[in-house]
Amino acid sequence: MDLTKQPYLIPVIGIGMWLFISAVFTFTSGWWSLAQYFRASGRPDGERILGQVKQMGFIPENHVTHIIVSPSGLYLYESILFKFLHPALLIPWSEVHHVRTIKMLWWQTYQFDLASITSIRVTQTAYDAMVKYAT
């Protein structure tokens, strides 16, 4: 296939690859499994924390997943470029458990178990907000 003769295929292929990668991340991170039980029906009021999730399941990330810490639970949502197959989630605090603190060089992250389905690693800022509610 000669893309110089059909240049309109370049963005189509690029978008297709982006959606495919997003779908793979949805399933490998555990997001899709969480969505089967904890799909949010609306955005709760609470402390909005952007860009403080460092890992979801086995997928390292930065500035992709955002959280809202509310009394009703941990609300997770994706940034605009990663919303494909990533519905917003509201996980009740009874399903969010601090597992361990991970120290690497001069910084640390905090791992939480999410309903025994997957885990999430967050920075100190997110941890400070979440630890008020998580068990």
Protein backbone atom coordinates (compact mmCIF):
# COMPACT_ATOMS: atom_id res chain seq x y z
CA MET A 1 0.00 0.00 0.00
CA ASP A 2 1.49 3.31 -1.12
CA LEU A 3 0.38 5.99 1.37
CA THR A 4 1.66 8.77 -0.91
CA LYS A 5 -1.20 7.94 -3.29
CA GLN A 6 -3.76 7.71 -0.50
CA PRO A 7 -2.67 10.25 2.15
CA TYR A 8 -6.12 10.27 3.78
CA LEU A 9 -5.25 6.82 5.18
CA ILE A 10 -2.48 8.21 7.40
CA PRO A 11 -4.83 9.78 9.97
CA VAL A 12 -7.24 6.83 9.71
CA ILE A 13 -4.43 4.37 10.48
CA GLY A 14 -3.09 6.63 13.26
CA ILE A 15 -6.48 6.97 14.93
CA GLY A 16 -7.09 3.24 14.56
CA MET A 17 -3.79 2.45 16.25
CA TRP A 18 -4.52 4.95 19.06
CA LEU A 19 -7.93 3.34 19.71
CA PHE A 20 -6.42 -0.14 19.62
CA ILE A 21 -3.72 0.79 22.15
CA SER A 22 -6.32 2.47 24.37
CA ALA A 23 -8.43 -0.70 24.26
CA VAL A 24 -5.44 -2.88 25.17
CA PHE A 25 -4.68 -0.60 28.14
CA THR A 26 -8.33 -0.78 29.25
CA PHE A 27 -8.21 -4.54 29.56
CA THR A 28 -4.66 -4.97 30.85
CA SER A 29 -4.97 -2.29 33.54
CA GLY A 30 -8.13 -3.81 35.03
CA TRP A 31 -10.24 -0.74 34.18
CA TRP A 32 -12.74 -2.75 32.15
CA SER A 33 -13.19 -5.28 34.95
CA LEU A 34 -13.79 -2.47 37.46
CA ALA A 35 -16.32 -0.92 35.06
CA GLN A 36 -18.43 -4.08 35.24
CA TYR A 37 -19.15 -3.31 38.91
CA PHE A 38 -18.38 0.36 39.57
CA ARG A 39 -19.42 2.40 36.52
CA ALA A 40 -20.25 5.91 37.72
CA SER A 41 -23.63 7.42 36.96
CA GLY A 42 -22.47 10.96 37.72
CA ARG A 43 -19.53 13.00 38.94
CA PRO A 44 -19.50 13.37 42.75
CA ASP A 45 -18.50 16.46 44.67
CA GLY A 46 -15.11 16.20 46.27
CA GLU A 47 -11.42 17.02 46.05
CA ARG A 48 -10.29 16.90 42.43
CA ILE A 49 -6.73 15.63 41.96
CA LEU A 50 -5.19 15.75 38.50
CA GLY A 51 -2.18 13.85 37.22
CA GLN A 52 -1.26 12.10 40.45
CA VAL A 53 -1.90 8.50 39.38
CA LYS A 54 1.39 6.81 38.48
CA GLN A 55 0.19 3.32 37.64
CA MET A 56 -3.08 1.49 37.04
CA GLY A 57 -2.69 -2.26 37.30
CA PHE A 58 0.46 -3.06 35.35
CA ILE A 59 0.20 0.01 33.11
CA PRO A 60 2.52 2.89 34.04
CA GLU A 61 1.03 6.27 33.32
CA ASN A 62 1.39 9.94 33.97
CA HIS A 63 -1.35 12.56 33.64
CA VAL A 64 -3.82 10.06 32.17
CA THR A 65 -6.07 9.01 35.07
CA HIS A 66 -7.53 11.68 37.33
CA ILE A 67 -9.36 11.22 40.61
CA ILE A 68 -11.97 12.88 42.74
CA VAL A 69 -11.86 11.96 46.41
CA SER A 70 -15.39 12.18 47.75
CA PRO A 71 -17.20 10.79 50.78
CA SER A 72 -19.12 8.43 48.45
CA GLY A 73 -15.98 6.84 47.02
CA LEU A 74 -12.98 7.14 44.77
CA TYR A 75 -14.01 8.55 41.40
CA LEU A 76 -11.64 7.72 38.53
CA TYR A 77 -11.78 9.21 35.04
CA GLU A 78 -9.47 9.45 32.07
CA SER A 79 -8.13 12.53 30.32
CA ILE A 80 -9.82 13.37 27.04
CA LEU A 81 -7.38 11.48 24.79
CA PHE A 82 -7.84 8.19 26.66
CA LYS A 83 -11.61 8.05 27.22
CA PHE A 84 -12.21 5.30 24.63
CA LEU A 85 -13.48 2.23 26.55
CA HIS A 86 -12.69 3.97 29.86
CA PRO A 87 -16.01 4.85 31.49
CA ALA A 88 -15.80 6.87 34.69
CA LEU A 89 -15.73 4.76 37.85
CA LEU A 90 -16.94 5.36 41.39
CA ILE A 91 -15.42 2.81 43.74
CA PRO A 92 -16.82 2.78 47.29
CA TRP A 93 -14.26 3.25 50.03
CA SER A 94 -15.04 -0.19 51.42
CA GLU A 95 -13.35 -1.54 48.25
CA VAL A 96 -10.23 0.69 48.42
CA HIS A 97 -7.41 -0.57 50.64
CA HIS A 98 -3.89 0.78 51.15
CA VAL A 99 -1.52 -2.08 50.41
CA ARG A 100 1.97 -0.68 50.63
CA THR A 101 4.30 2.25 50.26
CA ILE A 102 6.89 1.97 47.51
CA LYS A 103 10.13 3.92 48.00
CA MET A 104 12.34 4.62 45.01
CA LEU A 105 15.35 6.86 45.43
CA TRP A 106 14.02 10.16 46.83
CA TRP A 107 10.31 9.75 46.11
CA GLN A 108 7.60 7.32 47.09
CA THR A 109 4.29 6.13 45.74
CA TYR A 110 1.40 4.46 47.47
CA GLN A 111 -0.37 1.37 46.21
CA PHE A 112 -4.05 0.76 46.81
CA ASP A 113 -6.01 -2.40 46.03
CA LEU A 114 -9.25 -1.70 44.17
CA ALA A 115 -11.91 -4.33 44.96
CA SER A 116 -9.36 -7.16 44.62
CA ILE A 117 -9.56 -6.56 40.85
CA THR A 118 -6.57 -4.33 40.21
CA SER A 119 -4.37 -1.80 41.94
CA ILE A 120 -3.53 1.86 41.61
CA ARG A 121 -0.33 3.69 42.54
CA VAL A 122 -0.57 7.34 43.47
CA THR A 123 1.67 10.19 44.63
CA GLN A 124 1.83 11.72 48.10
CA THR A 125 -0.78 14.36 47.18
CA ALA A 126 -3.37 11.75 46.20
CA TYR A 127 -2.46 9.53 49.12
CA ASP A 128 -3.02 12.34 51.62
CA ALA A 129 -6.52 12.90 50.24
CA MET A 130 -7.42 9.21 49.95
CA VAL A 131 -6.10 7.95 53.29
CA LYS A 132 -8.88 9.82 55.13
CA TYR A 133 -11.40 7.38 53.65
CA ALA A 134 -9.54 4.23 52.55
CA THR A 135 -9.04 1.30 54.86
